Amino acid sequence: MKIDQNTLRALAAMDDVTLTQTIKTLAAAGGFALDPAALTHENLELLRTSLCGATDADLARAKEILGGKGV
């Protein structure tokens, strides 16, 4: 998945069910196991707020952390 402002806006616009499934799919692809209890509506709203507030510097840092994977 390419990480850019358009992707972040698209993720933030997803309904809870779609966003939850997307998170689970991305986590599994990265080898992470998520606690399903962590994906509450409240936590998804916090995530949406973070996605909408991400700056270009935040994106650059994410790309650095990911080492260019999917970016």
C-alpha atoms as a PDB file:
ATOM      1  CA  MET A   1       0.000   0.000   0.000  1.00  0.00           C
ATOM      2  CA  LYS A   2       1.403   3.369  -0.993  1.00  0.00           C
ATOM      3  CA  ILE A   3       1.403   5.801   1.905  1.00  0.00           C
ATOM      4  CA  ASP A   4       0.463   9.347   0.951  1.00  0.00           C
ATOM      5  CA  GLN A   5      -2.106  11.955   1.992  1.00  0.00           C
ATOM      6  CA  ASN A   6      -4.692  10.484  -0.396  1.00  0.00           C
ATOM      7  CA  THR A   7      -4.298   7.039   1.187  1.00  0.00           C
ATOM      8  CA  LEU A   8      -4.645   8.474   4.681  1.00  0.00           C
ATOM      9  CA  ARG A   9      -7.822  10.343   3.708  1.00  0.00           C
ATOM     10  CA  ALA A  10      -9.232   7.188   2.091  1.00  0.00           C
ATOM     11  CA  LEU A  11      -8.513   5.147   5.224  1.00  0.00           C
ATOM     12  CA  ALA A  12     -10.059   7.805   7.467  1.00  0.00           C
ATOM     13  CA  ALA A  13     -13.214   7.830   5.304  1.00  0.00           C
ATOM     14  CA  MET A  14     -13.800   4.064   5.643  1.00  0.00           C
ATOM     15  CA  ASP A  15     -16.656   2.819   7.791  1.00  0.00           C
ATOM     16  CA  ASP A  16     -15.730   0.881  10.941  1.00  0.00           C
ATOM     17  CA  VAL A  17     -16.164  -2.567   9.381  1.00  0.00           C
ATOM     18  CA  THR A  18     -14.052  -1.781   6.318  1.00  0.00           C
ATOM     19  CA  LEU A  19     -11.363   0.022   8.323  1.00  0.00           C
ATOM     20  CA  THR A  20     -11.167  -2.848  10.820  1.00  0.00           C
ATOM     21  CA  GLN A  21     -10.786  -5.410   8.036  1.00  0.00           C
ATOM     22  CA  THR A  22      -8.145  -3.267   6.319  1.00  0.00           C
ATOM     23  CA  ILE A  23      -6.183  -2.922   9.555  1.00  0.00           C
ATOM     24  CA  LYS A  24      -6.354  -6.680  10.178  1.00  0.00           C
ATOM     25  CA  THR A  25      -5.245  -7.425   6.610  1.00  0.00           C
ATOM     26  CA  LEU A  26      -2.312  -4.998   6.762  1.00  0.00           C
ATOM     27  CA  ALA A  27      -1.272  -6.255  10.183  1.00  0.00           C
ATOM     28  CA  ALA A  28      -1.372  -9.885   9.073  1.00  0.00           C
ATOM     29  CA  ALA A  29       0.650  -9.053   5.952  1.00  0.00           C
ATOM     30  CA  GLY A  30       3.261  -7.455   8.199  1.00  0.00           C
ATOM     31  CA  GLY A  31       3.329 -10.436  10.554  1.00  0.00           C
ATOM     32  CA  PHE A  32       1.490  -8.707  13.400  1.00  0.00           C
ATOM     33  CA  ALA A  33      -1.313 -10.177  15.483  1.00  0.00           C
ATOM     34  CA  LEU A  34      -3.823  -7.662  16.780  1.00  0.00           C
ATOM     35  CA  ASP A  35      -6.069  -7.985  19.788  1.00  0.00           C
ATOM     36  CA  PRO A  36      -9.559  -7.687  18.274  1.00  0.00           C
ATOM     37  CA  ALA A  37     -10.705  -5.939  21.453  1.00  0.00           C
ATOM     38  CA  ALA A  38      -8.400  -3.021  20.581  1.00  0.00           C
ATOM     39  CA  LEU A  39     -10.400  -2.208  17.447  1.00  0.00           C
ATOM     40  CA  THR A  40     -13.266  -0.445  19.191  1.00  0.00           C
ATOM     41  CA  HIS A  41     -15.259   2.358  17.609  1.00  0.00           C
ATOM     42  CA  GLU A  42     -13.574   4.807  19.963  1.00  0.00           C
ATOM     43  CA  ASN A  43     -10.089   3.634  18.952  1.00  0.00           C
ATOM     44  CA  LEU A  44     -11.013   3.761  15.278  1.00  0.00           C
ATOM     45  CA  GLU A  45     -12.165   7.356  15.761  1.00  0.00           C
ATOM     46  CA  LEU A  46      -8.822   8.182  17.400  1.00  0.00           C
ATOM     47  CA  LEU A  47      -7.069   6.584  14.444  1.00  0.00           C
ATOM     48  CA  ARG A  48      -9.157   8.610  11.998  1.00  0.00           C
ATOM     49  CA  THR A  49      -8.241  11.798  13.847  1.00  0.00           C
ATOM     50  CA  SER A  50      -4.563  10.874  13.651  1.00  0.00           C
ATOM     51  CA  LEU A  51      -4.787   9.987   9.967  1.00  0.00           C
ATOM     52  CA  CYS A  52      -6.466  13.297   9.150  1.00  0.00           C
ATOM     53  CA  GLY A  53      -3.881  15.218  11.154  1.00  0.00           C
ATOM     54  CA  ALA A  54      -0.800  13.547   9.708  1.00  0.00           C
ATOM     55  CA  THR A  55       1.703  15.942   8.199  1.00  0.00           C
ATOM     56  CA  ASP A  56       4.156  15.420   5.379  1.00  0.00           C
ATOM     57  CA  ALA A  57       6.844  15.100   8.065  1.00  0.00           C
ATOM     58  CA  ASP A  58       4.805  12.313   9.694  1.00  0.00           C
ATOM     59  CA  LEU A  59       4.570  10.533   6.347  1.00  0.00           C
ATOM     60  CA  ALA A  60       8.308  10.893   5.791  1.00  0.00           C
ATOM     61  CA  ARG A  61       8.986   9.404   9.228  1.00  0.00           C
ATOM     62  CA  ALA A  62       6.592   6.498   8.556  1.00  0.00           C
ATOM     63  CA  LYS A  63       8.366   5.795   5.276  1.00  0.00           C
ATOM     64  CA  GLU A  64      11.702   5.881   7.097  1.00  0.00           C
ATOM     65  CA  ILE A  65      10.452   3.417   9.716  1.00  0.00           C
ATOM     66  CA  LEU A  66       9.032   1.112   7.050  1.00  0.00           C
ATOM     67  CA  GLY A  67      12.261   1.262   5.073  1.00  0.00           C
ATOM     68  CA  GLY A  68      10.474   2.048   1.834  1.00  0.00           C
ATOM     69  CA  LYS A  69       8.151  -0.967   2.033  1.00  0.00           C
ATOM     70  CA  GLY A  70       4.869  -0.191   0.350  1.00  0.00           C
ATOM     71  CA  VAL A  71       5.675   3.452  -0.168  1.00  0.00           C
END
